[in-house]
Amino acid sequence: MAYVRNDAVISLVLGDSMELMDIMPENREKGILIAPPVEPRDNFAFMDENTRIEMVSQSVGDGAFTVEITGGSGWKRVVIFGEALEVSVNGEKLAGYEDVSSFAEGYAVKDGKANVKVK
């Protein structure tokens, strides 16, 4: 079990299963872990030793929230603690699926979290 602050955005590395405690296979991807913000929050993380990213997360009402990330890219996986009803990346809605293994780009909701893959 992982403990995450209620308003955290953290960089990490994930495998295809997108399970946080899974054995790391060779095909791993950079990712971020997002917990819904309780209040507006600015923080930062390092995607690698040279790439610092800035993150601003805030509630936009009715259980929805935004996370704006600047200063770096390259992540392909996102784990969101919450039952996502809709996920948008760069203003484009992603398709929803039943299972994380069934798509190359989109999201799936399971066990209280949304797993997102982007190309």
PDB file of N, CA and C in Angstrom:
ATOM      1  N   MET A   1       0.839  -1.173   0.000  1.00  0.00           N
ATOM      2  CA  MET A   1       0.000   0.000   0.000  1.00  0.00           C
ATOM      3  C   MET A   1       0.888   1.241   0.000  1.00  0.00           C
ATOM      4  N   ALA A   2       0.490   2.230  -0.769  1.00  0.00           N
ATOM      5  CA  ALA A   2       1.247   3.473  -0.839  1.00  0.00           C
ATOM      6  C   ALA A   2       0.450   4.574  -0.161  1.00  0.00           C
ATOM      7  N   TYR A   3       1.124   5.412   0.588  1.00  0.00           N
ATOM      8  CA  TYR A   3       0.473   6.567   1.201  1.00  0.00           C
ATOM      9  C   TYR A   3       0.844   7.788   0.374  1.00  0.00           C
ATOM     10  N   VAL A   4      -0.145   8.560  -0.034  1.00  0.00           N
ATOM     11  CA  VAL A   4       0.086   9.758  -0.823  1.00  0.00           C
ATOM     12  C   VAL A   4      -0.703  10.895  -0.199  1.00  0.00           C
ATOM     13  N   ARG A   5      -0.059  12.043  -0.034  1.00  0.00           N
ATOM     14  CA  ARG A   5      -0.775  13.220   0.465  1.00  0.00           C
ATOM     15  C   ARG A   5      -1.994  13.480  -0.395  1.00  0.00           C
ATOM     16  N   ASN A   6      -3.011  14.078   0.168  1.00  0.00           N
ATOM     17  CA  ASN A   6      -4.238  14.352  -0.569  1.00  0.00           C
ATOM     18  C   ASN A   6      -4.062  15.288  -1.748  1.00  0.00           C
ATOM     19  N   ASP A   7      -2.976  16.028  -1.793  1.00  0.00           N
ATOM     20  CA  ASP A   7      -2.804  17.001  -2.864  1.00  0.00           C
ATOM     21  C   ASP A   7      -1.451  16.834  -3.551  1.00  0.00           C
ATOM     22  N   ALA A   8      -1.026  15.609  -3.733  1.00  0.00           N
ATOM     23  CA  ALA A   8       0.313  15.351  -4.257  1.00  0.00           C
ATOM     24  C   ALA A   8       0.324  15.111  -5.757  1.00  0.00           C
ATOM     25  N   VAL A   9       1.422  15.504  -6.379  1.00  0.00           N
ATOM     26  CA  VAL A   9       1.755  15.134  -7.750  1.00  0.00           C
ATOM     27  C   VAL A   9       3.212  14.685  -7.686  1.00  0.00           C
ATOM     28  N   ILE A  10       3.480  13.418  -8.001  1.00  0.00           N
ATOM     29  CA  ILE A  10       4.800  12.827  -7.806  1.00  0.00           C
ATOM     30  C   ILE A  10       5.245  12.133  -9.082  1.00  0.00           C
ATOM     31  N   SER A  11       6.509  12.289  -9.472  1.00  0.00           N
ATOM     32  CA  SER A  11       7.028  11.563 -10.634  1.00  0.00           C
ATOM     33  C   SER A  11       7.445  10.157 -10.207  1.00  0.00           C
ATOM     34  N   LEU A  12       7.320   9.182 -11.125  1.00  0.00           N
ATOM     35  CA  LEU A  12       7.678   7.797 -10.848  1.00  0.00           C
ATOM     36  C   LEU A  12       7.890   7.043 -12.149  1.00  0.00           C
ATOM     37  N   VAL A  13       8.226   5.768 -12.043  1.00  0.00           N
ATOM     38  CA  VAL A  13       8.402   4.896 -13.202  1.00  0.00           C
ATOM     39  C   VAL A  13       7.413   3.743 -13.064  1.00  0.00           C
ATOM     40  N   LEU A  14       6.698   3.412 -14.168  1.00  0.00           N
ATOM     41  CA  LEU A  14       5.670   2.366 -14.136  1.00  0.00           C
ATOM     42  C   LEU A  14       5.867   1.372 -15.269  1.00  0.00           C
ATOM     43  N   GLY A  15       5.484   0.123 -15.027  1.00  0.00           N
ATOM     44  CA  GLY A  15       5.447  -0.890 -16.062  1.00  0.00           C
ATOM     45  C   GLY A  15       4.088  -0.930 -16.730  1.00  0.00           C
ATOM     46  N   ASP A  16       3.881  -1.868 -17.643  1.00  0.00           N
ATOM     47  CA  ASP A  16       2.629  -1.967 -18.381  1.00  0.00           C
ATOM     48  C   ASP A  16       1.415  -2.209 -17.494  1.00  0.00           C
ATOM     49  N   SER A  17       1.592  -2.923 -16.371  1.00  0.00           N
ATOM     50  CA  SER A  17       0.459  -3.206 -15.486  1.00  0.00           C
ATOM     51  C   SER A  17      -0.002  -1.951 -14.743  1.00  0.00           C
ATOM     52  N   MET A  18       0.854  -0.965 -14.637  1.00  0.00           N
ATOM     53  CA  MET A  18       0.608   0.294 -13.940  1.00  0.00           C
ATOM     54  C   MET A  18       0.324   0.099 -12.458  1.00  0.00           C
ATOM     55  N   GLU A  19       0.722  -1.033 -11.893  1.00  0.00           N
ATOM     56  CA  GLU A  19       0.598  -1.271 -10.467  1.00  0.00           C
ATOM     57  C   GLU A  19       1.791  -0.638  -9.762  1.00  0.00           C
ATOM     58  N   LEU A  20       1.533   0.079  -8.675  1.00  0.00           N
ATOM     59  CA  LEU A  20       2.598   0.815  -8.003  1.00  0.00           C
ATOM     60  C   LEU A  20       3.650  -0.087  -7.368  1.00  0.00           C
ATOM     61  N   MET A  21       3.286  -1.262  -6.917  1.00  0.00           N
ATOM     62  CA  MET A  21       4.228  -2.147  -6.242  1.00  0.00           C
ATOM     63  C   MET A  21       4.660  -3.323  -7.123  1.00  0.00           C
ATOM     64  N   ASP A  22       4.456  -3.223  -8.430  1.00  0.00           N
ATOM     65  CA  ASP A  22       4.779  -4.302  -9.345  1.00  0.00           C
ATOM     66  C   ASP A  22       6.288  -4.406  -9.567  1.00  0.00           C
ATOM     67  N   ILE A  23       6.750  -5.593  -9.931  1.00  0.00           N
ATOM     68  CA  ILE A  23       8.140  -5.785 -10.317  1.00  0.00           C
ATOM     69  C   ILE A  23       8.389  -4.979 -11.582  1.00  0.00           C
ATOM     70  N   MET A  24       9.506  -4.285 -11.651  1.00  0.00           N
ATOM     71  CA  MET A  24       9.799  -3.431 -12.800  1.00  0.00           C
ATOM     72  C   MET A  24      10.321  -4.245 -13.979  1.00  0.00           C
ATOM     73  N   PRO A  25       9.517  -4.363 -15.012  1.00  0.00           N
ATOM     74  CA  PRO A  25       9.978  -5.064 -16.218  1.00  0.00           C
ATOM     75  C   PRO A  25      10.909  -4.156 -17.019  1.00  0.00           C
ATOM     76  N   GLU A  26      11.419  -4.674 -18.110  1.00  0.00           N
ATOM     77  CA  GLU A  26      12.319  -3.879 -18.932  1.00  0.00           C
ATOM     78  C   GLU A  26      11.593  -2.785 -19.685  1.00  0.00           C
ATOM     79  N   ASN A  27      10.314  -2.967 -19.989  1.00  0.00           N
ATOM     80  CA  ASN A  27       9.557  -1.955 -20.729  1.00  0.00           C
ATOM     81  C   ASN A  27       8.824  -1.033 -19.758  1.00  0.00           C
ATOM     82  N   ARG A  28       9.578  -0.224 -19.072  1.00  0.00           N
ATOM     83  CA  ARG A  28       8.990   0.727 -18.121  1.00  0.00           C
ATOM     84  C   ARG A  28       8.959   2.119 -18.728  1.00  0.00           C
ATOM     85  N   GLU A  29       8.030   2.917 -18.209  1.00  0.00           N
ATOM     86  CA  GLU A  29       7.805   4.259 -18.747  1.00  0.00           C
ATOM     87  C   GLU A  29       7.810   5.286 -17.615  1.00  0.00           C
ATOM     88  N   LYS A  30       8.222   6.515 -17.929  1.00  0.00           N
ATOM     89  CA  LYS A  30       8.126   7.605 -16.968  1.00  0.00           C
ATOM     90  C   LYS A  30       6.654   7.912 -16.738  1.00  0.00           C
ATOM     91  N   GLY A  31       6.329   8.226 -15.507  1.00  0.00           N
ATOM     92  CA  GLY A  31       4.942   8.536 -15.193  1.00  0.00           C
ATOM     93  C   GLY A  31       4.823   9.515 -14.054  1.00  0.00           C
ATOM     94  N   ILE A  32       3.584   9.856 -13.753  1.00  0.00           N
ATOM     95  CA  ILE A  32       3.292  10.694 -12.592  1.00  0.00           C
ATOM     96  C   ILE A  32       2.113  10.106 -11.833  1.00  0.00           C
ATOM     97  N   LEU A  33       2.112  10.351 -10.544  1.00  0.00           N
ATOM     98  CA  LEU A  33       1.053   9.924  -9.645  1.00  0.00           C
ATOM     99  C   LEU A  33       0.362  11.191  -9.164  1.00  0.00           C
ATOM    100  N   ILE A  34      -0.967  11.238  -9.255  1.00  0.00           N
ATOM    101  CA  ILE A  34      -1.718  12.438  -8.905  1.00  0.00           C
ATOM    102  C   ILE A  34      -2.802  12.090  -7.886  1.00  0.00           C
ATOM    103  N   ALA A  35      -2.822  12.834  -6.791  1.00  0.00           N
ATOM    104  CA  ALA A  35      -3.920  12.746  -5.831  1.00  0.00           C
ATOM    105  C   ALA A  35      -4.717  14.047  -5.954  1.00  0.00           C
ATOM    106  N   PRO A  36      -6.045  13.984  -5.925  1.00  0.00           N
ATOM    107  CA  PRO A  36      -6.862  15.192  -6.070  1.00  0.00           C
ATOM    108  C   PRO A  36      -6.475  16.257  -5.047  1.00  0.00           C
ATOM    109  N   PRO A  37      -6.393  17.512  -5.472  1.00  0.00           N
ATOM    110  CA  PRO A  37      -5.993  18.581  -4.560  1.00  0.00           C
ATOM    111  C   PRO A  37      -7.096  18.963  -3.580  1.00  0.00           C
ATOM    112  N   VAL A  38      -6.706  19.208  -2.353  1.00  0.00           N
ATOM    113  CA  VAL A  38      -7.630  19.718  -1.347  1.00  0.00           C
ATOM    114  C   VAL A  38      -7.699  21.240  -1.479  1.00  0.00           C
ATOM    115  N   GLU A  39      -6.570  21.830  -1.780  1.00  0.00           N
ATOM    116  CA  GLU A  39      -6.455  23.273  -1.999  1.00  0.00           C
ATOM    117  C   GLU A  39      -5.442  23.474  -3.115  1.00  0.00           C
ATOM    118  N   PRO A  40      -5.396  24.644  -3.739  1.00  0.00           N
ATOM    119  CA  PRO A  40      -4.407  24.867  -4.794  1.00  0.00           C
ATOM    120  C   PRO A  40      -2.997  24.580  -4.274  1.00  0.00           C
ATOM    121  N   ARG A  41      -2.195  23.930  -5.086  1.00  0.00           N
ATOM    122  CA  ARG A  41      -0.861  23.534  -4.633  1.00  0.00           C
ATOM    123  C   ARG A  41       0.142  23.671  -5.759  1.00  0.00           C
ATOM    124  N   ASP A  42       1.285  24.273  -5.461  1.00  0.00           N
ATOM    125  CA  ASP A  42       2.424  24.340  -6.375  1.00  0.00           C
ATOM    126  C   ASP A  42       3.498  23.420  -5.818  1.00  0.00           C
ATOM    127  N   ASN A  43       4.039  22.558  -6.642  1.00  0.00           N
ATOM    128  CA  ASN A  43       5.177  21.752  -6.226  1.00  0.00           C
ATOM    129  C   ASN A  43       6.033  21.412  -7.440  1.00  0.00           C
ATOM    130  N   PHE A  44       7.088  20.674  -7.225  1.00  0.00           N
ATOM    131  CA  PHE A  44       7.977  20.310  -8.315  1.00  0.00           C
ATOM    132  C   PHE A  44       8.483  18.895  -8.105  1.00  0.00           C
ATOM    133  N   ALA A  45       9.005  18.329  -9.177  1.00  0.00           N
ATOM    134  CA  ALA A  45       9.621  17.000  -9.137  1.00  0.00           C
ATOM    135  C   ALA A  45      10.665  16.946 -10.237  1.00  0.00           C
ATOM    136  N   PHE A  46      11.500  15.944 -10.197  1.00  0.00           N
ATOM    137  CA  PHE A  46      12.504  15.749 -11.237  1.00  0.00           C
ATOM    138  C   PHE A  46      12.152  14.495 -12.031  1.00  0.00           C
ATOM    139  N   MET A  47      12.018  14.643 -13.351  1.00  0.00           N
ATOM    140  CA  MET A  47      11.765  13.490 -14.221  1.00  0.00           C
ATOM    141  C   MET A  47      13.055  12.693 -14.417  1.00  0.00           C
ATOM    142  N   ASP A  48      14.185  13.367 -14.378  1.00  0.00           N
ATOM    143  CA  ASP A  48      15.505  12.747 -14.396  1.00  0.00           C
ATOM    144  C   ASP A  48      16.451  13.745 -13.746  1.00  0.00           C
ATOM    145  N   GLU A  49      17.719  13.459 -13.745  1.00  0.00           N
ATOM    146  CA  GLU A  49      18.653  14.325 -13.020  1.00  0.00           C
ATOM    147  C   GLU A  49      18.762  15.740 -13.586  1.00  0.00           C
ATOM    148  N   ASN A  50      18.321  15.956 -14.832  1.00  0.00           N
ATOM    149  CA  ASN A  50      18.425  17.271 -15.453  1.00  0.00           C
ATOM    150  C   ASN A  50      17.093  17.950 -15.737  1.00  0.00           C
ATOM    151  N   THR A  51      15.968  17.269 -15.512  1.00  0.00           N
ATOM    152  CA  THR A  51      14.674  17.812 -15.924  1.00  0.00           C
ATOM    153  C   THR A  51      13.765  18.037 -14.720  1.00  0.00           C
ATOM    154  N   ARG A  52      13.646  19.298 -14.333  1.00  0.00           N
ATOM    155  CA  ARG A  52      12.752  19.684 -13.232  1.00  0.00           C
ATOM    156  C   ARG A  52      11.409  20.099 -13.829  1.00  0.00           C
ATOM    157  N   ILE A  53      10.335  19.571 -13.286  1.00  0.00           N
ATOM    158  CA  ILE A  53       9.005  19.954 -13.747  1.00  0.00           C
ATOM    159  C   ILE A  53       8.267  20.669 -12.619  1.00  0.00           C
ATOM    160  N   GLU A  54       7.505  21.678 -12.993  1.00  0.00           N
ATOM    161  CA  GLU A  54       6.681  22.439 -12.056  1.00  0.00           C
ATOM    162  C   GLU A  54       5.238  21.977 -12.225  1.00  0.00           C
ATOM    163  N   MET A  55       4.529  21.805 -11.116  1.00  0.00           N
ATOM    164  CA  MET A  55       3.159  21.315 -11.174  1.00  0.00           C
ATOM    165  C   MET A  55       2.247  22.176 -10.314  1.00  0.00           C
ATOM    166  N   VAL A  56       1.119  22.579 -10.883  1.00  0.00           N
ATOM    167  CA  VAL A  56       0.107  23.341 -10.153  1.00  0.00           C
ATOM    168  C   VAL A  56      -1.185  22.533 -10.246  1.00  0.00           C
ATOM    169  N   SER A  57      -1.717  22.142  -9.099  1.00  0.00           N
ATOM    170  CA  SER A  57      -2.979  21.402  -9.084  1.00  0.00           C
ATOM    171  C   SER A  57      -4.008  22.212  -8.312  1.00  0.00           C
ATOM    172  N   GLN A  58      -5.250  22.175  -8.809  1.00  0.00           N
ATOM    173  CA  GLN A  58      -6.318  22.906  -8.123  1.00  0.00           C
ATOM    174  C   GLN A  58      -7.677  22.307  -8.467  1.00  0.00           C
ATOM    175  N   SER A  59      -8.587  22.428  -7.525  1.00  0.00           N
ATOM    176  CA  SER A  59      -9.963  21.980  -7.726  1.00  0.00           C
ATOM    177  C   SER A  59     -10.677  22.986  -8.622  1.00  0.00           C
ATOM    178  N   VAL A  60     -11.535  22.467  -9.506  1.00  0.00           N
ATOM    179  CA  VAL A  60     -12.356  23.347 -10.342  1.00  0.00           C
ATOM    180  C   VAL A  60     -13.836  23.109 -10.072  1.00  0.00           C
ATOM    181  N   GLY A  61     -14.152  22.480  -8.939  1.00  0.00           N
ATOM    182  CA  GLY A  61     -15.530  22.274  -8.508  1.00  0.00           C
ATOM    183  C   GLY A  61     -16.122  20.954  -8.932  1.00  0.00           C
ATOM    184  N   ASP A  62     -17.166  20.537  -8.232  1.00  0.00           N
ATOM    185  CA  ASP A  62     -17.898  19.295  -8.512  1.00  0.00           C
ATOM    186  C   ASP A  62     -16.991  18.079  -8.596  1.00  0.00           C
ATOM    187  N   GLY A  63     -15.941  18.025  -7.794  1.00  0.00           N
ATOM    188  CA  GLY A  63     -15.041  16.880  -7.774  1.00  0.00           C
ATOM    189  C   GLY A  63     -14.018  16.872  -8.889  1.00  0.00           C
ATOM    190  N   ALA A  64     -14.050  17.853  -9.774  1.00  0.00           N
ATOM    191  CA  ALA A  64     -13.090  17.928 -10.880  1.00  0.00           C
ATOM    192  C   ALA A  64     -11.873  18.747 -10.456  1.00  0.00           C
ATOM    193  N   PHE A  65     -10.738  18.430 -11.053  1.00  0.00           N
ATOM    194  CA  PHE A  65      -9.536  19.200 -10.766  1.00  0.00           C
ATOM    195  C   PHE A  65      -8.639  19.218 -11.991  1.00  0.00           C
ATOM    196  N   THR A  66      -7.707  20.174 -11.983  1.00  0.00           N
ATOM    197  CA  THR A  66      -6.734  20.281 -13.061  1.00  0.00           C
ATOM    198  C   THR A  66      -5.333  20.168 -12.480  1.00  0.00           C
ATOM    199  N   VAL A  67      -4.421  19.703 -13.326  1.00  0.00           N
ATOM    200  CA  VAL A  67      -3.000  19.698 -13.003  1.00  0.00           C
ATOM    201  C   VAL A  67      -2.283  20.262 -14.222  1.00  0.00           C
ATOM    202  N   GLU A  68      -1.586  21.374 -14.036  1.00  0.00           N
ATOM    203  CA  GLU A  68      -0.806  21.967 -15.120  1.00  0.00           C
ATOM    204  C   GLU A  68       0.660  21.667 -14.848  1.00  0.00           C
ATOM    205  N   ILE A  69       1.311  21.048 -15.826  1.00  0.00           N
ATOM    206  CA  ILE A  69       2.701  20.633 -15.666  1.00  0.00           C
ATOM    207  C   ILE A  69       3.536  21.339 -16.723  1.00  0.00           C
ATOM    208  N   THR A  70       4.606  22.008 -16.296  1.00  0.00           N
ATOM    209  CA  THR A  70       5.499  22.711 -17.215  1.00  0.00           C
ATOM    210  C   THR A  70       6.943  22.369 -16.901  1.00  0.00           C
ATOM    211  N   GLY A  71       7.799  22.574 -17.891  1.00  0.00           N
ATOM    212  CA  GLY A  71       9.225  22.406 -17.672  1.00  0.00           C
ATOM    213  C   GLY A  71       9.770  21.061 -18.086  1.00  0.00           C
ATOM    214  N   GLY A  72       8.939  20.165 -18.549  1.00  0.00           N
ATOM    215  CA  GLY A  72       9.415  18.854 -18.961  1.00  0.00           C
ATOM    216  C   GLY A  72       8.278  18.020 -19.480  1.00  0.00           C
ATOM    217  N   SER A  73       8.610  16.985 -20.154  1.00  0.00           N
ATOM    218  CA  SER A  73       7.600  16.057 -20.652  1.00  0.00           C
ATOM    219  C   SER A  73       8.252  14.688 -20.757  1.00  0.00           C
ATOM    220  N   GLY A  74       7.645  13.816 -21.478  1.00  0.00           N
ATOM    221  CA  GLY A  74       8.222  12.500 -21.659  1.00  0.00           C
ATOM    222  C   GLY A  74       7.509  11.405 -20.897  1.00  0.00           C
ATOM    223  N   TRP A  75       6.539  11.755 -20.033  1.00  0.00           N
ATOM    224  CA  TRP A  75       5.830  10.690 -19.327  1.00  0.00           C
ATOM    225  C   TRP A  75       4.766  10.102 -20.228  1.00  0.00           C
ATOM    226  N   LYS A  76       4.539   8.814 -20.040  1.00  0.00           N
ATOM    227  CA  LYS A  76       3.559   8.079 -20.838  1.00  0.00           C
ATOM    228  C   LYS A  76       2.469   7.468 -19.972  1.00  0.00           C
ATOM    229  N   ARG A  77       2.657   7.489 -18.653  1.00  0.00           N
ATOM    230  CA  ARG A  77       1.714   6.869 -17.733  1.00  0.00           C
ATOM    231  C   ARG A  77       1.345   7.841 -16.621  1.00  0.00           C
ATOM    232  N   VAL A  78       0.067   7.830 -16.231  1.00  0.00           N
ATOM    233  CA  VAL A  78      -0.405   8.643 -15.120  1.00  0.00           C
ATOM    234  C   VAL A  78      -1.336   7.777 -14.275  1.00  0.00           C
ATOM    235  N   VAL A  79      -1.139   7.790 -12.970  1.00  0.00           N
ATOM    236  CA  VAL A  79      -2.043   7.124 -12.042  1.00  0.00           C
ATOM    237  C   VAL A  79      -2.723   8.222 -11.232  1.00  0.00           C
ATOM    238  N   ILE A  80      -4.048   8.252 -11.271  1.00  0.00           N
ATOM    239  CA  ILE A  80      -4.825   9.260 -10.550  1.00  0.00           C
ATOM    240  C   ILE A  80      -5.622   8.555  -9.461  1.00  0.00           C
ATOM    241  N   PHE A  81      -5.437   8.969  -8.216  1.00  0.00           N
ATOM    242  CA  PHE A  81      -6.224   8.409  -7.127  1.00  0.00           C
ATOM    243  C   PHE A  81      -7.607   9.037  -7.158  1.00  0.00           C
ATOM    244  N   GLY A  82      -8.555   8.325  -7.724  1.00  0.00           N
ATOM    245  CA  GLY A  82      -9.926   8.793  -7.815  1.00  0.00           C
ATOM    246  C   GLY A  82     -10.646   8.111  -8.954  1.00  0.00           C
ATOM    247  N   GLU A  83     -11.948   8.122  -8.913  1.00  0.00           N
ATOM    248  CA  GLU A  83     -12.803   7.517  -9.933  1.00  0.00           C
ATOM    249  C   GLU A  83     -13.027   8.519 -11.059  1.00  0.00           C
ATOM    250  N   ALA A  84     -12.171   8.531 -12.041  1.00  0.00           N
ATOM    251  CA  ALA A  84     -12.265   9.500 -13.137  1.00  0.00           C
ATOM    252  C   ALA A  84     -13.491   9.221 -13.999  1.00  0.00           C
ATOM    253  N   LEU A  85     -14.225  10.275 -14.291  1.00  0.00           N
ATOM    254  CA  LEU A  85     -15.358  10.193 -15.212  1.00  0.00           C
ATOM    255  C   LEU A  85     -14.956  10.671 -16.592  1.00  0.00           C
ATOM    256  N   GLU A  86     -13.916  11.499 -16.647  1.00  0.00           N
ATOM    257  CA  GLU A  86     -13.414  12.035 -17.904  1.00  0.00           C
ATOM    258  C   GLU A  86     -11.961  12.429 -17.684  1.00  0.00           C
ATOM    259  N   VAL A  87     -11.116  12.157 -18.685  1.00  0.00           N
ATOM    260  CA  VAL A  87      -9.707  12.548 -18.618  1.00  0.00           C
ATOM    261  C   VAL A  87      -9.366  13.273 -19.906  1.00  0.00           C
ATOM    262  N   SER A  88      -8.765  14.459 -19.765  1.00  0.00           N
ATOM    263  CA  SER A  88      -8.310  15.232 -20.921  1.00  0.00           C
ATOM    264  C   SER A  88      -6.828  15.515 -20.774  1.00  0.00           C
ATOM    265  N   VAL A  89      -6.102  15.439 -21.880  1.00  0.00           N
ATOM    266  CA  VAL A  89      -4.686  15.770 -21.919  1.00  0.00           C
ATOM    267  C   VAL A  89      -4.492  16.791 -23.022  1.00  0.00           C
ATOM    268  N   ASN A  90      -3.899  17.921 -22.681  1.00  0.00           N
ATOM    269  CA  ASN A  90      -3.702  19.021 -23.632  1.00  0.00           C
ATOM    270  C   ASN A  90      -5.010  19.412 -24.318  1.00  0.00           C
ATOM    271  N   GLY A  91      -6.104  19.409 -23.559  1.00  0.00           N
ATOM    272  CA  GLY A  91      -7.395  19.832 -24.076  1.00  0.00           C
ATOM    273  C   GLY A  91      -8.157  18.784 -24.873  1.00  0.00           C
ATOM    274  N   GLU A  92      -7.588  17.585 -25.044  1.00  0.00           N
ATOM    275  CA  GLU A  92      -8.265  16.529 -25.809  1.00  0.00           C
ATOM    276  C   GLU A  92      -8.724  15.416 -24.872  1.00  0.00           C
ATOM    277  N   LYS A  93     -10.023  15.060 -24.987  1.00  0.00           N
ATOM    278  CA  LYS A  93     -10.565  13.983 -24.163  1.00  0.00           C
ATOM    279  C   LYS A  93      -9.994  12.641 -24.614  1.00  0.00           C
ATOM    280  N   LEU A  94      -9.638  11.819 -23.642  1.00  0.00           N
ATOM    281  CA  LEU A  94      -9.170  10.468 -23.925  1.00  0.00           C
ATOM    282  C   LEU A  94     -10.325   9.487 -23.816  1.00  0.00           C
ATOM    283  N   ALA A  95     -10.259   8.415 -24.558  1.00  0.00           N
ATOM    284  CA  ALA A  95     -11.286   7.374 -24.516  1.00  0.00           C
ATOM    285  C   ALA A  95     -11.141   6.560 -23.230  1.00  0.00           C
ATOM    286  N   GLY A  96     -12.276   6.105 -22.700  1.00  0.00           N
ATOM    287  CA  GLY A  96     -12.284   5.257 -21.518  1.00  0.00           C
ATOM    288  C   GLY A  96     -12.402   3.793 -21.906  1.00  0.00           C
ATOM    289  N   TYR A  97     -11.709   2.925 -21.177  1.00  0.00           N
ATOM    290  CA  TYR A  97     -11.700   1.485 -21.454  1.00  0.00           C
ATOM    291  C   TYR A  97     -11.953   0.712 -20.171  1.00  0.00           C
ATOM    292  N   GLU A  98     -12.237  -0.568 -20.311  1.00  0.00           N
ATOM    293  CA  GLU A  98     -12.486  -1.436 -19.158  1.00  0.00           C
ATOM    294  C   GLU A  98     -11.204  -1.843 -18.449  1.00  0.00           C
ATOM    295  N   ASP A  99     -10.129  -2.064 -19.208  1.00  0.00           N
ATOM    296  CA  ASP A  99      -8.902  -2.633 -18.661  1.00  0.00           C
ATOM    297  C   ASP A  99      -7.695  -1.885 -19.197  1.00  0.00           C
ATOM    298  N   VAL A 100      -6.717  -1.649 -18.357  1.00  0.00           N
ATOM    299  CA  VAL A 100      -5.530  -0.882 -18.749  1.00  0.00           C
ATOM    300  C   VAL A 100      -4.707  -1.582 -19.832  1.00  0.00           C
ATOM    301  N   SER A 101      -4.781  -2.885 -19.922  1.00  0.00           N
ATOM    302  CA  SER A 101      -3.969  -3.606 -20.907  1.00  0.00           C
ATOM    303  C   SER A 101      -4.577  -3.593 -22.313  1.00  0.00           C
ATOM    304  N   SER A 102      -5.797  -3.056 -22.458  1.00  0.00           N
ATOM    305  CA  SER A 102      -6.491  -3.147 -23.743  1.00  0.00           C
ATOM    306  C   SER A 102      -6.328  -1.921 -24.638  1.00  0.00           C
ATOM    307  N   PHE A 103      -5.437  -0.984 -24.293  1.00  0.00           N
ATOM    308  CA  PHE A 103      -5.327   0.214 -25.119  1.00  0.00           C
ATOM    309  C   PHE A 103      -3.910   0.781 -25.102  1.00  0.00           C
ATOM    310  N   ALA A 104      -3.588   1.552 -26.144  1.00  0.00           N
ATOM    311  CA  ALA A 104      -2.296   2.233 -26.225  1.00  0.00           C
ATOM    312  C   ALA A 104      -2.399   3.658 -25.703  1.00  0.00           C
ATOM    313  N   GLU A 105      -3.602   4.267 -25.830  1.00  0.00           N
ATOM    314  CA  GLU A 105      -3.829   5.611 -25.309  1.00  0.00           C
ATOM    315  C   GLU A 105      -5.261   5.692 -24.812  1.00  0.00           C
ATOM    316  N   GLY A 106      -5.446   6.237 -23.622  1.00  0.00           N
ATOM    317  CA  GLY A 106      -6.762   6.349 -23.020  1.00  0.00           C
ATOM    318  C   GLY A 106      -6.644   6.154 -21.526  1.00  0.00           C
ATOM    319  N   TYR A 107      -7.779   5.785 -20.881  1.00  0.00           N
ATOM    320  CA  TYR A 107      -7.750   5.554 -19.441  1.00  0.00           C
ATOM    321  C   TYR A 107      -8.713   4.442 -19.053  1.00  0.00           C
ATOM    322  N   ALA A 108      -8.440   3.831 -17.912  1.00  0.00           N
ATOM    323  CA  ALA A 108      -9.302   2.805 -17.334  1.00  0.00           C
ATOM    324  C   ALA A 108      -9.395   3.070 -15.835  1.00  0.00           C
ATOM    325  N   VAL A 109     -10.579   2.854 -15.254  1.00  0.00           N
ATOM    326  CA  VAL A 109     -10.790   3.069 -13.825  1.00  0.00           C
ATOM    327  C   VAL A 109     -10.959   1.703 -13.160  1.00  0.00           C
ATOM    328  N   LYS A 110     -10.177   1.486 -12.078  1.00  0.00           N
ATOM    329  CA  LYS A 110     -10.253   0.216 -11.353  1.00  0.00           C
ATOM    330  C   LYS A 110      -9.794   0.445  -9.919  1.00  0.00           C
ATOM    331  N   ASP A 111     -10.506  -0.130  -8.976  1.00  0.00           N
ATOM    332  CA  ASP A 111     -10.143  -0.081  -7.562  1.00  0.00           C
ATOM    333  C   ASP A 111      -9.891   1.337  -7.056  1.00  0.00           C
ATOM    334  N   GLY A 112     -10.725   2.281  -7.453  1.00  0.00           N
ATOM    335  CA  GLY A 112     -10.629   3.638  -6.941  1.00  0.00           C
ATOM    336  C   GLY A 112      -9.535   4.502  -7.538  1.00  0.00           C
ATOM    337  N   LYS A 113      -8.931   4.055  -8.644  1.00  0.00           N
ATOM    338  CA  LYS A 113      -7.942   4.892  -9.306  1.00  0.00           C
ATOM    339  C   LYS A 113      -8.084   4.802 -10.797  1.00  0.00           C
ATOM    340  N   ALA A 114      -7.631   5.844 -11.476  1.00  0.00           N
ATOM    341  CA  ALA A 114      -7.661   5.879 -12.939  1.00  0.00           C
ATOM    342  C   ALA A 114      -6.239   5.720 -13.452  1.00  0.00           C
ATOM    343  N   ASN A 115      -6.061   4.787 -14.371  1.00  0.00           N
ATOM    344  CA  ASN A 115      -4.764   4.575 -15.022  1.00  0.00           C
ATOM    345  C   ASN A 115      -4.838   5.158 -16.418  1.00  0.00           C
ATOM    346  N   VAL A 116      -3.930   6.067 -16.726  1.00  0.00           N
ATOM    347  CA  VAL A 116      -3.945   6.795 -17.984  1.00  0.00           C
ATOM    348  C   VAL A 116      -2.674   6.485 -18.767  1.00  0.00           C
ATOM    349  N   LYS A 117      -2.839   6.199 -20.065  1.00  0.00           N
ATOM    350  CA  LYS A 117      -1.692   6.032 -20.958  1.00  0.00           C
ATOM    351  C   LYS A 117      -1.798   7.073 -22.056  1.00  0.00           C
ATOM    352  N   VAL A 118      -0.674   7.705 -22.385  1.00  0.00           N
ATOM    353  CA  VAL A 118      -0.619   8.646 -23.497  1.00  0.00           C
ATOM    354  C   VAL A 118       0.515   8.221 -24.412  1.00  0.00           C
ATOM    355  N   LYS A 119       0.384   8.616 -25.683  1.00  0.00           N
ATOM    356  CA  LYS A 119       1.419   8.241 -26.657  1.00  0.00           C
ATOM    357  C   LYS A 119       2.599   9.158 -26.572  1.00  0.00           C
TER     358      LYS A 119
END
